[in-house]
All heavy atoms as atom14 arrays in JSON, in Angstrom:
{
  "sequence": "LVLLHGLFGALSNFKDLIDYFKQYNRVVVPILPLFDLNIL",
  "atom14_mask": [
    [1, 1, 1, 1, 1, 1, 1, 1, 0, 0, 0, 0, 0, 0],
    [1, 1, 1, 1, 1, 1, 1, 0, 0, 0, 0, 0, 0, 0],
    [1, 1, 1, 1, 1, 1, 1, 1, 0, 0, 0, 0, 0, 0],
    [1, 1, 1, 1, 1, 1, 1, 1, 0, 0, 0, 0, 0, 0],
    [1, 1, 1, 1, 1, 1, 1, 1, 1, 1, 0, 0, 0, 0],
    [1, 1, 1, 1, 0, 0, 0, 0, 0, 0, 0, 0, 0, 0],
    [1, 1, 1, 1, 1, 1, 1, 1, 0, 0, 0, 0, 0, 0],
    [1, 1, 1, 1, 1, 1, 1, 1, 1, 1, 1, 0, 0, 0],
    [1, 1, 1, 1, 0, 0, 0, 0, 0, 0, 0, 0, 0, 0],
    [1, 1, 1, 1, 1, 0, 0, 0, 0, 0, 0, 0, 0, 0],
    [1, 1, 1, 1, 1, 1, 1, 1, 0, 0, 0, 0, 0, 0],
    [1, 1, 1, 1, 1, 1, 0, 0, 0, 0, 0, 0, 0, 0],
    [1, 1, 1, 1, 1, 1, 1, 1, 0, 0, 0, 0, 0, 0],
    [1, 1, 1, 1, 1, 1, 1, 1, 1, 1, 1, 0, 0, 0],
    [1, 1, 1, 1, 1, 1, 1, 1, 1, 0, 0, 0, 0, 0],
    [1, 1, 1, 1, 1, 1, 1, 1, 0, 0, 0, 0, 0, 0],
    [1, 1, 1, 1, 1, 1, 1, 1, 0, 0, 0, 0, 0, 0],
    [1, 1, 1, 1, 1, 1, 1, 1, 0, 0, 0, 0, 0, 0],
    [1, 1, 1, 1, 1, 1, 1, 1, 0, 0, 0, 0, 0, 0],
    [1, 1, 1, 1, 1, 1, 1, 1, 1, 1, 1, 1, 0, 0],
    [1, 1, 1, 1, 1, 1, 1, 1, 1, 1, 1, 0, 0, 0],
    [1, 1, 1, 1, 1, 1, 1, 1, 1, 0, 0, 0, 0, 0],
    [1, 1, 1, 1, 1, 1, 1, 1, 1, 0, 0, 0, 0, 0],
    [1, 1, 1, 1, 1, 1, 1, 1, 1, 1, 1, 1, 0, 0],
    [1, 1, 1, 1, 1, 1, 1, 1, 0, 0, 0, 0, 0, 0],
    [1, 1, 1, 1, 1, 1, 1, 1, 1, 1, 1, 0, 0, 0],
    [1, 1, 1, 1, 1, 1, 1, 0, 0, 0, 0, 0, 0, 0],
    [1, 1, 1, 1, 1, 1, 1, 0, 0, 0, 0, 0, 0, 0],
    [1, 1, 1, 1, 1, 1, 1, 0, 0, 0, 0, 0, 0, 0],
    [1, 1, 1, 1, 1, 1, 1, 0, 0, 0, 0, 0, 0, 0],
    [1, 1, 1, 1, 1, 1, 1, 1, 0, 0, 0, 0, 0, 0],
    [1, 1, 1, 1, 1, 1, 1, 1, 0, 0, 0, 0, 0, 0],
    [1, 1, 1, 1, 1, 1, 1, 0, 0, 0, 0, 0, 0, 0],
    [1, 1, 1, 1, 1, 1, 1, 1, 0, 0, 0, 0, 0, 0],
    [1, 1, 1, 1, 1, 1, 1, 1, 1, 1, 1, 0, 0, 0],
    [1, 1, 1, 1, 1, 1, 1, 1, 0, 0, 0, 0, 0, 0],
    [1, 1, 1, 1, 1, 1, 1, 1, 0, 0, 0, 0, 0, 0],
    [1, 1, 1, 1, 1, 1, 1, 1, 0, 0, 0, 0, 0, 0],
    [1, 1, 1, 1, 1, 1, 1, 1, 0, 0, 0, 0, 0, 0],
    [1, 1, 1, 1, 1, 1, 1, 1, 0, 0, 0, 0, 0, 0]
  ],
  "atom14_positions": [
    [[-9.77, 20.0, -16.79], [-9.47, 18.87, -15.9], [-10.81, 18.42, -15.35], [-11.44, 19.11, -14.55], [-8.53, 19.31, -14.78], [-8.24, 18.3, -13.66], [-7.57, 17.05, -14.21], [-7.39, 18.93, -12.55], [0.0, 0.0, 0.0], [0.0, 0.0, 0.0], [0.0, 0.0, 0.0], [0.0, 0.0, 0.0], [0.0, 0.0, 0.0], [0.0, 0.0, 0.0]],
    [[-11.28, 17.26, -15.84], [-12.63, 16.77, -15.51], [-12.52, 15.71, -14.43], [-11.79, 14.72, -14.57], [-13.32, 16.21, -16.77], [-14.71, 15.67, -16.43], [-13.41, 17.29, -17.86], [0.0, 0.0, 0.0], [0.0, 0.0, 0.0], [0.0, 0.0, 0.0], [0.0, 0.0, 0.0], [0.0, 0.0, 0.0], [0.0, 0.0, 0.0], [0.0, 0.0, 0.0]],
    [[-13.26, 15.89, -13.33], [-13.19, 15.0, -12.17], [-14.47, 14.18, -12.05], [-15.57, 14.74, -12.04], [-12.99, 15.83, -10.89], [-11.96, 16.97, -10.93], [-11.93, 17.69, -9.58], [-10.58, 16.45, -11.29], [0.0, 0.0, 0.0], [0.0, 0.0, 0.0], [0.0, 0.0, 0.0], [0.0, 0.0, 0.0], [0.0, 0.0, 0.0], [0.0, 0.0, 0.0]],
    [[-14.31, 12.87, -11.96], [-15.47, 11.96, -11.84], [-15.45, 11.31, -10.47], [-14.49, 10.61, -10.11], [-15.43, 10.9, -12.94], [-15.4, 11.41, -14.39], [-15.4, 10.23, -15.36], [-16.59, 12.33, -14.67], [0.0, 0.0, 0.0], [0.0, 0.0, 0.0], [0.0, 0.0, 0.0], [0.0, 0.0, 0.0], [0.0, 0.0, 0.0], [0.0, 0.0, 0.0]],
    [[-16.52, 11.53, -9.72], [-16.6, 11.01, -8.35], [-17.09, 9.57, -8.33], [-17.58, 9.04, -9.33], [-17.5, 11.9, -7.5], [-18.92, 11.99, -7.99], [-19.85, 11.02, -7.77], [-19.56, 12.96, -8.72], [-21.0, 11.36, -8.3], [-20.85, 12.54, -8.9], [0.0, 0.0, 0.0], [0.0, 0.0, 0.0], [0.0, 0.0, 0.0], [0.0, 0.0, 0.0]],
    [[-16.97, 8.94, -7.16], [-17.34, 7.53, -7.01], [-18.77, 7.35, -6.53], [-19.57, 8.3, -6.49], [0.0, 0.0, 0.0], [0.0, 0.0, 0.0], [0.0, 0.0, 0.0], [0.0, 0.0, 0.0], [0.0, 0.0, 0.0], [0.0, 0.0, 0.0], [0.0, 0.0, 0.0], [0.0, 0.0, 0.0], [0.0, 0.0, 0.0], [0.0, 0.0, 0.0]],
    [[-19.06, 6.13, -6.13], [-20.43, 5.73, -5.77], [-20.96, 6.51, -4.57], [-22.12, 6.89, -4.52], [-20.46, 4.22, -5.48], [-21.79, 3.52, -5.41], [-22.63, 3.77, -6.64], [-21.6, 2.01, -5.23], [0.0, 0.0, 0.0], [0.0, 0.0, 0.0], [0.0, 0.0, 0.0], [0.0, 0.0, 0.0], [0.0, 0.0, 0.0], [0.0, 0.0, 0.0]],
    [[-20.11, 6.72, -3.58], [-20.53, 7.51, -2.4], [-19.78, 8.84, -2.37], [-19.68, 9.48, -1.35], [-20.26, 6.73, -1.12], [-21.14, 5.52, -0.97], [-20.67, 4.26, -1.29], [-22.44, 5.64, -0.53], [-21.47, 3.14, -1.17], [-23.26, 4.53, -0.4], [-22.78, 3.28, -0.73], [0.0, 0.0, 0.0], [0.0, 0.0, 0.0], [0.0, 0.0, 0.0]],
    [[-19.22, 9.22, -3.52], [-18.35, 10.39, -3.57], [-19.14, 11.68, -3.58], [-19.9, 11.94, -4.51], [0.0, 0.0, 0.0], [0.0, 0.0, 0.0], [0.0, 0.0, 0.0], [0.0, 0.0, 0.0], [0.0, 0.0, 0.0], [0.0, 0.0, 0.0], [0.0, 0.0, 0.0], [0.0, 0.0, 0.0], [0.0, 0.0, 0.0], [0.0, 0.0, 0.0]],
    [[-18.96, 12.49, -2.54], [-19.55, 13.82, -2.53], [-18.6, 14.79, -3.24], [-17.41, 14.51, -3.39], [-19.78, 14.26, -1.09], [0.0, 0.0, 0.0], [0.0, 0.0, 0.0], [0.0, 0.0, 0.0], [0.0, 0.0, 0.0], [0.0, 0.0, 0.0], [0.0, 0.0, 0.0], [0.0, 0.0, 0.0], [0.0, 0.0, 0.0], [0.0, 0.0, 0.0]],
    [[-19.13, 15.92, -3.64], [-18.29, 16.92, -4.3], [-17.19, 17.4, -3.36], [-16.11, 17.8, -3.8], [-19.15, 18.09, -4.77], [-20.19, 17.76, -5.85], [-21.0, 18.98, -6.2], [-19.53, 17.18, -7.08], [0.0, 0.0, 0.0], [0.0, 0.0, 0.0], [0.0, 0.0, 0.0], [0.0, 0.0, 0.0], [0.0, 0.0, 0.0], [0.0, 0.0, 0.0]],
    [[-17.46, 17.34, -2.05], [-16.46, 17.78, -1.07], [-15.19, 16.93, -1.13], [-14.12, 17.38, -0.72], [-17.05, 17.71, 0.35], [-17.47, 16.39, 0.65], [0.0, 0.0, 0.0], [0.0, 0.0, 0.0], [0.0, 0.0, 0.0], [0.0, 0.0, 0.0], [0.0, 0.0, 0.0], [0.0, 0.0, 0.0], [0.0, 0.0, 0.0], [0.0, 0.0, 0.0]],
    [[-15.29, 15.71, -1.69], [-14.1, 14.86, -1.85], [-13.03, 15.55, -2.67], [-11.85, 15.27, -2.54], [-14.45, 13.54, -2.56], [-15.36, 12.64, -1.73], [-15.99, 13.1, -0.79], [-15.43, 11.39, -2.09], [0.0, 0.0, 0.0], [0.0, 0.0, 0.0], [0.0, 0.0, 0.0], [0.0, 0.0, 0.0], [0.0, 0.0, 0.0], [0.0, 0.0, 0.0]],
    [[-13.45, 16.44, -3.56], [-12.53, 17.08, -4.49], [-12.18, 18.51, -4.09], [-11.54, 19.23, -4.86], [-13.15, 17.12, -5.9], [-13.24, 15.77, -6.57], [-14.43, 15.36, -7.15], [-12.15, 14.92, -6.63], [-14.52, 14.12, -7.8], [-12.23, 13.68, -7.26], [-13.41, 13.28, -7.85], [0.0, 0.0, 0.0], [0.0, 0.0, 0.0], [0.0, 0.0, 0.0]],
    [[-12.58, 18.93, -2.9], [-12.41, 20.34, -2.52], [-10.97, 20.82, -2.67], [-10.7, 21.84, -3.31], [-12.89, 20.56, -1.08], [-12.74, 22.01, -0.63], [-13.06, 22.23, 0.83], [-12.95, 23.7, 1.19], [-11.64, 24.31, 0.88], [0.0, 0.0, 0.0], [0.0, 0.0, 0.0], [0.0, 0.0, 0.0], [0.0, 0.0, 0.0], [0.0, 0.0, 0.0]],
    [[-10.01, 20.1, -2.07], [-8.61, 20.54, -2.12], [-8.06, 20.5, -3.54], [-7.25, 21.34, -3.92], [-7.76, 19.65, -1.2], [-8.12, 19.86, 0.27], [-7.85, 20.94, 0.79], [-8.69, 18.93, 0.88], [0.0, 0.0, 0.0], [0.0, 0.0, 0.0], [0.0, 0.0, 0.0], [0.0, 0.0, 0.0], [0.0, 0.0, 0.0], [0.0, 0.0, 0.0]],
    [[-8.52, 19.52, -4.3], [-8.07, 19.39, -5.69], [-8.57, 20.57, -6.51], [-7.81, 21.17, -7.28], [-8.59, 18.06, -6.24], [-7.79, 17.39, -7.36], [-8.13, 15.91, -7.43], [-8.08, 18.01, -8.69], [0.0, 0.0, 0.0], [0.0, 0.0, 0.0], [0.0, 0.0, 0.0], [0.0, 0.0, 0.0], [0.0, 0.0, 0.0], [0.0, 0.0, 0.0]],
    [[-9.84, 20.94, -6.33], [-10.4, 22.08, -7.07], [-9.68, 23.37, -6.65], [-9.27, 24.17, -7.5], [-11.92, 22.22, -6.82], [-12.67, 20.98, -7.32], [-12.46, 23.48, -7.5], [-14.12, 20.91, -6.85], [0.0, 0.0, 0.0], [0.0, 0.0, 0.0], [0.0, 0.0, 0.0], [0.0, 0.0, 0.0], [0.0, 0.0, 0.0], [0.0, 0.0, 0.0]],
    [[-9.53, 23.57, -5.33], [-8.89, 24.78, -4.82], [-7.5, 24.97, -5.44], [-7.11, 26.09, -5.78], [-8.74, 24.73, -3.29], [-10.06, 24.93, -2.57], [-11.04, 25.35, -3.22], [-10.12, 24.68, -1.35], [0.0, 0.0, 0.0], [0.0, 0.0, 0.0], [0.0, 0.0, 0.0], [0.0, 0.0, 0.0], [0.0, 0.0, 0.0], [0.0, 0.0, 0.0]],
    [[-6.77, 23.89, -5.57], [-5.4, 23.96, -6.07], [-5.36, 24.13, -7.6], [-4.71, 25.04, -8.11], [-4.65, 22.69, -5.67], [-3.19, 22.68, -6.09], [-2.22, 23.27, -5.3], [-2.8, 22.09, -7.29], [-0.88, 23.27, -5.68], [-1.47, 22.09, -7.69], [-0.51, 22.68, -6.88], [0.8, 22.69, -7.27], [0.0, 0.0, 0.0], [0.0, 0.0, 0.0]],
    [[-6.08, 23.28, -8.31], [-5.91, 23.23, -9.77], [-6.7, 24.3, -10.52], [-6.43, 24.55, -11.69], [-6.22, 21.83, -10.31], [-5.07, 20.89, -10.14], [-5.05, 20.0, -9.07], [-3.98, 20.92, -10.99], [-3.97, 19.16, -8.88], [-2.89, 20.08, -10.81], [-2.88, 19.2, -9.74], [0.0, 0.0, 0.0], [0.0, 0.0, 0.0], [0.0, 0.0, 0.0]],
    [[-7.63, 24.98, -9.84], [-8.35, 26.07, -10.54], [-7.4, 27.22, -10.88], [-7.73, 28.08, -11.7], [-9.53, 26.56, -9.71], [-9.15, 27.32, -8.46], [-10.38, 27.81, -7.71], [-9.96, 28.63, -6.49], [-11.14, 29.13, -5.76], [0.0, 0.0, 0.0], [0.0, 0.0, 0.0], [0.0, 0.0, 0.0], [0.0, 0.0, 0.0], [0.0, 0.0, 0.0]],
    [[-6.2, 27.22, -10.27], [-5.19, 28.23, -10.6], [-4.54, 27.95, -11.97], [-3.95, 28.83, -12.57], [-4.07, 28.24, -9.55], [-4.53, 28.42, -8.11], [-3.39, 28.13, -7.15], [-2.52, 28.97, -6.93], [-3.37, 26.94, -6.59], [0.0, 0.0, 0.0], [0.0, 0.0, 0.0], [0.0, 0.0, 0.0], [0.0, 0.0, 0.0], [0.0, 0.0, 0.0]],
    [[-4.64, 26.69, -12.42], [-3.91, 26.27, -13.62], [-4.82, 25.73, -14.73], [-4.44, 25.72, -15.89], [-2.91, 25.17, -13.27], [-2.03, 25.51, -12.09], [-2.31, 25.0, -10.82], [-0.94, 26.36, -12.23], [-1.52, 25.32, -9.73], [-0.14, 26.68, -11.14], [-0.43, 26.16, -9.89], [0.36, 26.49, -8.82], [0.0, 0.0, 0.0], [0.0, 0.0, 0.0]],
    [[-5.99, 25.22, -14.35], [-6.88, 24.53, -15.29], [-8.31, 25.01, -15.13], [-8.69, 25.58, -14.12], [-6.87, 23.0, -15.03], [-5.54, 22.36, -15.35], [-4.61, 22.4, -14.55], [-5.44, 21.77, -16.53], [0.0, 0.0, 0.0], [0.0, 0.0, 0.0], [0.0, 0.0, 0.0], [0.0, 0.0, 0.0], [0.0, 0.0, 0.0], [0.0, 0.0, 0.0]],
    [[-9.11, 24.69, -16.14], [-10.57, 24.78, -15.99], [-10.99, 23.47, -15.33], [-11.01, 22.42, -15.99], [-11.23, 24.94, -17.36], [-12.74, 25.17, -17.28], [-13.35, 25.19, -18.67], [-12.76, 26.2, -19.52], [-13.16, 27.48, -19.58], [-14.18, 27.87, -18.85], [-12.56, 28.33, -20.39], [0.0, 0.0, 0.0], [0.0, 0.0, 0.0], [0.0, 0.0, 0.0]],
    [[-11.3, 23.52, -14.06], [-11.64, 22.3, -13.31], [-13.15, 22.09, -13.38], [-13.94, 22.97, -13.01], [-11.19, 22.38, -11.83], [-11.47, 21.07, -11.12], [-9.69, 22.71, -11.75], [0.0, 0.0, 0.0], [0.0, 0.0, 0.0], [0.0, 0.0, 0.0], [0.0, 0.0, 0.0], [0.0, 0.0, 0.0], [0.0, 0.0, 0.0], [0.0, 0.0, 0.0]],
    [[-13.54, 20.92, -13.87], [-14.96, 20.63, -14.13], [-15.35, 19.36, -13.37], [-14.68, 18.33, -13.47], [-15.2, 20.41, -15.64], [-16.67, 20.13, -15.92], [-14.72, 21.62, -16.45], [0.0, 0.0, 0.0], [0.0, 0.0, 0.0], [0.0, 0.0, 0.0], [0.0, 0.0, 0.0], [0.0, 0.0, 0.0], [0.0, 0.0, 0.0], [0.0, 0.0, 0.0]],
    [[-16.43, 19.46, -12.6], [-16.92, 18.29, -11.86], [-18.38, 18.06, -12.21], [-19.27, 18.72, -11.65], [-16.78, 18.47, -10.33], [-17.03, 17.14, -9.61], [-15.42, 19.04, -9.95], [0.0, 0.0, 0.0], [0.0, 0.0, 0.0], [0.0, 0.0, 0.0], [0.0, 0.0, 0.0], [0.0, 0.0, 0.0], [0.0, 0.0, 0.0], [0.0, 0.0, 0.0]],
    [[-18.69, 17.17, -13.15], [-20.1, 16.85, -13.4], [-20.67, 16.04, -12.24], [-19.98, 15.19, -11.67], [-20.05, 16.0, -14.67], [-18.67, 15.41, -14.69], [-17.77, 16.38, -13.99], [0.0, 0.0, 0.0], [0.0, 0.0, 0.0], [0.0, 0.0, 0.0], [0.0, 0.0, 0.0], [0.0, 0.0, 0.0], [0.0, 0.0, 0.0], [0.0, 0.0, 0.0]],
    [[-21.88, 16.34, -11.85], [-22.54, 15.56, -10.81], [-23.18, 14.35, -11.5], [-24.13, 14.5, -12.28], [-23.59, 16.4, -10.06], [-22.88, 17.59, -9.39], [-24.34, 15.56, -9.04], [-23.8, 18.61, -8.77], [0.0, 0.0, 0.0], [0.0, 0.0, 0.0], [0.0, 0.0, 0.0], [0.0, 0.0, 0.0], [0.0, 0.0, 0.0], [0.0, 0.0, 0.0]],
    [[-22.62, 13.19, -11.27], [-23.09, 11.98, -11.96], [-24.47, 11.59, -11.44], [-24.69, 11.56, -10.22], [-22.09, 10.84, -11.77], [-20.68, 11.09, -12.31], [-19.78, 9.88, -12.05], [-20.71, 11.4, -13.81], [0.0, 0.0, 0.0], [0.0, 0.0, 0.0], [0.0, 0.0, 0.0], [0.0, 0.0, 0.0], [0.0, 0.0, 0.0], [0.0, 0.0, 0.0]],
    [[-25.39, 11.25, -12.33], [-26.78, 10.94, -11.92], [-26.91, 9.5, -11.42], [-27.63, 8.68, -12.0], [-27.56, 11.16, -13.22], [-26.59, 10.76, -14.29], [-25.22, 11.16, -13.79], [0.0, 0.0, 0.0], [0.0, 0.0, 0.0], [0.0, 0.0, 0.0], [0.0, 0.0, 0.0], [0.0, 0.0, 0.0], [0.0, 0.0, 0.0], [0.0, 0.0, 0.0]],
    [[-26.21, 9.21, -10.31], [-26.18, 7.83, -9.81], [-27.58, 7.31, -9.49], [-27.84, 6.12, -9.62], [-25.31, 7.76, -8.55], [-23.86, 8.25, -8.69], [-23.15, 8.17, -7.34], [-23.11, 7.43, -9.73], [0.0, 0.0, 0.0], [0.0, 0.0, 0.0], [0.0, 0.0, 0.0], [0.0, 0.0, 0.0], [0.0, 0.0, 0.0], [0.0, 0.0, 0.0]],
    [[-28.46, 8.22, -9.06], [-29.78, 7.78, -8.61], [-30.91, 8.29, -9.5], [-32.08, 8.16, -9.17], [-30.01, 8.24, -7.16], [-28.88, 7.87, -6.25], [-28.11, 8.84, -5.64], [-28.56, 6.53, -6.02], [-27.06, 8.5, -4.81], [-27.51, 6.18, -5.19], [-26.76, 7.16, -4.59], [0.0, 0.0, 0.0], [0.0, 0.0, 0.0], [0.0, 0.0, 0.0]],
    [[-30.54, 8.9, -10.63], [-31.56, 9.55, -11.48], [-31.8, 8.86, -12.81], [-32.78, 9.15, -13.49], [-31.17, 11.01, -11.73], [-31.03, 11.8, -10.44], [-31.79, 11.51, -9.5], [-30.14, 12.67, -10.36], [0.0, 0.0, 0.0], [0.0, 0.0, 0.0], [0.0, 0.0, 0.0], [0.0, 0.0, 0.0], [0.0, 0.0, 0.0], [0.0, 0.0, 0.0]],
    [[-30.88, 7.98, -13.22], [-31.1, 7.25, -14.47], [-32.14, 6.17, -14.25], [-32.34, 5.69, -13.13], [-29.78, 6.61, -14.93], [-28.63, 7.56, -15.28], [-27.37, 6.76, -15.57], [-28.98, 8.44, -16.48], [0.0, 0.0, 0.0], [0.0, 0.0, 0.0], [0.0, 0.0, 0.0], [0.0, 0.0, 0.0], [0.0, 0.0, 0.0], [0.0, 0.0, 0.0]],
    [[-32.82, 5.74, -15.34], [-33.72, 4.61, -15.15], [-32.89, 3.37, -14.86], [-31.69, 3.33, -15.13], [-34.67, 4.42, -16.36], [-33.94, 3.92, -17.6], [-33.23, 2.91, -17.56], [-34.13, 4.59, -18.72], [0.0, 0.0, 0.0], [0.0, 0.0, 0.0], [0.0, 0.0, 0.0], [0.0, 0.0, 0.0], [0.0, 0.0, 0.0], [0.0, 0.0, 0.0]],
    [[-33.52, 2.36, -14.32], [-32.77, 1.22, -13.78], [-31.95, 0.5, -14.86], [-30.86, 0.01, -14.6], [-33.71, 0.23, -13.02], [-32.91, -0.74, -12.14], [-34.62, -0.5, -13.98], [-32.21, -0.12, -10.97], [0.0, 0.0, 0.0], [0.0, 0.0, 0.0], [0.0, 0.0, 0.0], [0.0, 0.0, 0.0], [0.0, 0.0, 0.0], [0.0, 0.0, 0.0]],
    [[-32.43, 0.49, -16.1], [-31.7, -0.17, -17.18], [-30.43, 0.58, -17.55], [-29.47, 0.0, -18.03], [-32.59, -0.34, -18.42], [-33.74, -1.34, -18.28], [-34.59, -1.34, -19.53], [-33.21, -2.75, -18.01], [0.0, 0.0, 0.0], [0.0, 0.0, 0.0], [0.0, 0.0, 0.0], [0.0, 0.0, 0.0], [0.0, 0.0, 0.0], [0.0, 0.0, 0.0]]
  ]
}
């Protein structure tokens, strides 16, 4: 179960979701490189 956060989304946004679904799924949250990609 892969979770993608928003523009101002911190990982804490998904805390309750991770806590719950880790009992049933492999819960994966990639940290999106919003500020690390080159501008193009």
